[in-house]
Amino acid sequence: ELLGAQRVRLYQTAGFVKEPGHGETAWHSDLNTAPLDTNAMLTFWLPLTPVPDLDHAPLEFASGSHRDFSLA
């Protein structure tokens, strides 16, 4: 229902480990990491450990970053 699609295909799963104190991740777009010719896709982040507070903010989003362009 959320995607407005009758079917959903799982393309890829990935695990990324980021230890405390490793610093920030550079701005990037997930769109250019998948060999798909569509913007009709979704990526998401699911933390497996608690996020203590907003000072350790897990994610920030760039307005309009869902459009077809690269931030890199």
C-alpha atoms as a PDB file:
ATOM      1  CA  GLU A   1       0.000   0.000   0.000  1.00  0.00           C
ATOM      2  CA  LEU A   2       2.771   2.433   0.931  1.00  0.00           C
ATOM      3  CA  LEU A   3       4.343   2.210  -2.524  1.00  0.00           C
ATOM      4  CA  GLY A   4       1.074   2.064  -4.449  1.00  0.00           C
ATOM      5  CA  ALA A   5       2.287  -1.095  -6.188  1.00  0.00           C
ATOM      6  CA  GLN A   6       0.685  -4.503  -6.590  1.00  0.00           C
ATOM      7  CA  ARG A   7       4.061  -6.243  -6.359  1.00  0.00           C
ATOM      8  CA  VAL A   8       7.418  -5.449  -4.816  1.00  0.00           C
ATOM      9  CA  ARG A   9      10.746  -7.000  -5.801  1.00  0.00           C
ATOM     10  CA  LEU A  10      13.614  -7.213  -3.360  1.00  0.00           C
ATOM     11  CA  TYR A  11      16.703  -6.394  -5.378  1.00  0.00           C
ATOM     12  CA  GLN A  12      19.462  -6.313  -2.818  1.00  0.00           C
ATOM     13  CA  THR A  13      20.228  -6.443   0.867  1.00  0.00           C
ATOM     14  CA  ALA A  14      23.369  -5.023   2.375  1.00  0.00           C
ATOM     15  CA  GLY A  15      24.853  -4.609   5.797  1.00  0.00           C
ATOM     16  CA  PHE A  16      27.057  -1.662   6.675  1.00  0.00           C
ATOM     17  CA  VAL A  17      28.905  -1.525   9.962  1.00  0.00           C
ATOM     18  CA  LYS A  18      29.779   1.896  11.294  1.00  0.00           C
ATOM     19  CA  GLU A  19      31.595   1.860  14.608  1.00  0.00           C
ATOM     20  CA  PRO A  20      31.171   4.745  17.075  1.00  0.00           C
ATOM     21  CA  GLY A  21      33.601   7.579  16.392  1.00  0.00           C
ATOM     22  CA  HIS A  22      34.122   6.799  12.712  1.00  0.00           C
ATOM     23  CA  GLY A  23      32.867  10.221  11.685  1.00  0.00           C
ATOM     24  CA  GLU A  24      30.278  11.319   9.175  1.00  0.00           C
ATOM     25  CA  THR A  25      29.460   9.640   5.885  1.00  0.00           C
ATOM     26  CA  ALA A  26      29.789  11.936   2.856  1.00  0.00           C
ATOM     27  CA  TRP A  27      26.642  13.088   1.079  1.00  0.00           C
ATOM     28  CA  HIS A  28      25.619  10.570  -1.536  1.00  0.00           C
ATOM     29  CA  SER A  29      22.643   9.338  -3.526  1.00  0.00           C
ATOM     30  CA  ASP A  30      21.603   5.687  -3.345  1.00  0.00           C
ATOM     31  CA  LEU A  31      19.965   5.989  -6.765  1.00  0.00           C
ATOM     32  CA  ASN A  32      23.232   5.691  -8.686  1.00  0.00           C
ATOM     33  CA  THR A  33      24.221   2.491  -6.840  1.00  0.00           C
ATOM     34  CA  ALA A  34      21.486   0.371  -8.435  1.00  0.00           C
ATOM     35  CA  PRO A  35      21.561  -0.625 -12.107  1.00  0.00           C
ATOM     36  CA  LEU A  36      17.921   0.308 -12.660  1.00  0.00           C
ATOM     37  CA  ASP A  37      16.540   2.717 -15.224  1.00  0.00           C
ATOM     38  CA  THR A  38      13.804   4.058 -12.971  1.00  0.00           C
ATOM     39  CA  ASN A  39      13.270   6.269  -9.955  1.00  0.00           C
ATOM     40  CA  ALA A  40      10.439   3.962  -8.840  1.00  0.00           C
ATOM     41  CA  MET A  41      12.555   2.373  -6.153  1.00  0.00           C
ATOM     42  CA  LEU A  42      13.021   2.672  -2.443  1.00  0.00           C
ATOM     43  CA  THR A  43      15.973   2.364  -0.098  1.00  0.00           C
ATOM     44  CA  PHE A  44      15.771   2.497   3.649  1.00  0.00           C
ATOM     45  CA  TRP A  45      17.927   2.436   6.748  1.00  0.00           C
ATOM     46  CA  LEU A  46      17.090   0.226   9.695  1.00  0.00           C
ATOM     47  CA  PRO A  47      19.287   0.699  12.778  1.00  0.00           C
ATOM     48  CA  LEU A  48      20.037  -2.506  14.646  1.00  0.00           C
ATOM     49  CA  THR A  49      21.141  -0.656  17.781  1.00  0.00           C
ATOM     50  CA  PRO A  50      19.458   2.235  19.590  1.00  0.00           C
ATOM     51  CA  VAL A  51      20.193   5.768  18.386  1.00  0.00           C
ATOM     52  CA  PRO A  52      20.848   7.679  21.623  1.00  0.00           C
ATOM     53  CA  ASP A  53      19.688  11.198  20.691  1.00  0.00           C
ATOM     54  CA  LEU A  54      19.516  13.826  17.958  1.00  0.00           C
ATOM     55  CA  ASP A  55      23.155  14.798  18.542  1.00  0.00           C
ATOM     56  CA  HIS A  56      23.930  11.398  17.056  1.00  0.00           C
ATOM     57  CA  ALA A  57      21.407  11.953  14.261  1.00  0.00           C
ATOM     58  CA  PRO A  58      21.325   8.855  12.105  1.00  0.00           C
ATOM     59  CA  LEU A  59      20.262  10.419   8.805  1.00  0.00           C
ATOM     60  CA  GLU A  60      19.793  13.716   7.064  1.00  0.00           C
ATOM     61  CA  PHE A  61      18.056  14.104   3.723  1.00  0.00           C
ATOM     62  CA  ALA A  62      18.757  16.589   0.952  1.00  0.00           C
ATOM     63  CA  SER A  63      15.569  18.195  -0.329  1.00  0.00           C
ATOM     64  CA  GLY A  64      14.821  16.903  -3.838  1.00  0.00           C
ATOM     65  CA  SER A  65      17.390  14.116  -3.612  1.00  0.00           C
ATOM     66  CA  HIS A  66      14.777  11.629  -4.817  1.00  0.00           C
ATOM     67  CA  ARG A  67      15.099  13.089  -8.309  1.00  0.00           C
ATOM     68  CA  ASP A  68      17.338  11.552 -10.966  1.00  0.00           C
ATOM     69  CA  PHE A  69      20.757  13.067 -10.262  1.00  0.00           C
ATOM     70  CA  SER A  70      23.893  12.251  -8.338  1.00  0.00           C
ATOM     71  CA  LEU A  71      25.149  14.128  -5.289  1.00  0.00           C
ATOM     72  CA  ALA A  72      28.652  12.800  -5.817  1.00  0.00           C
END
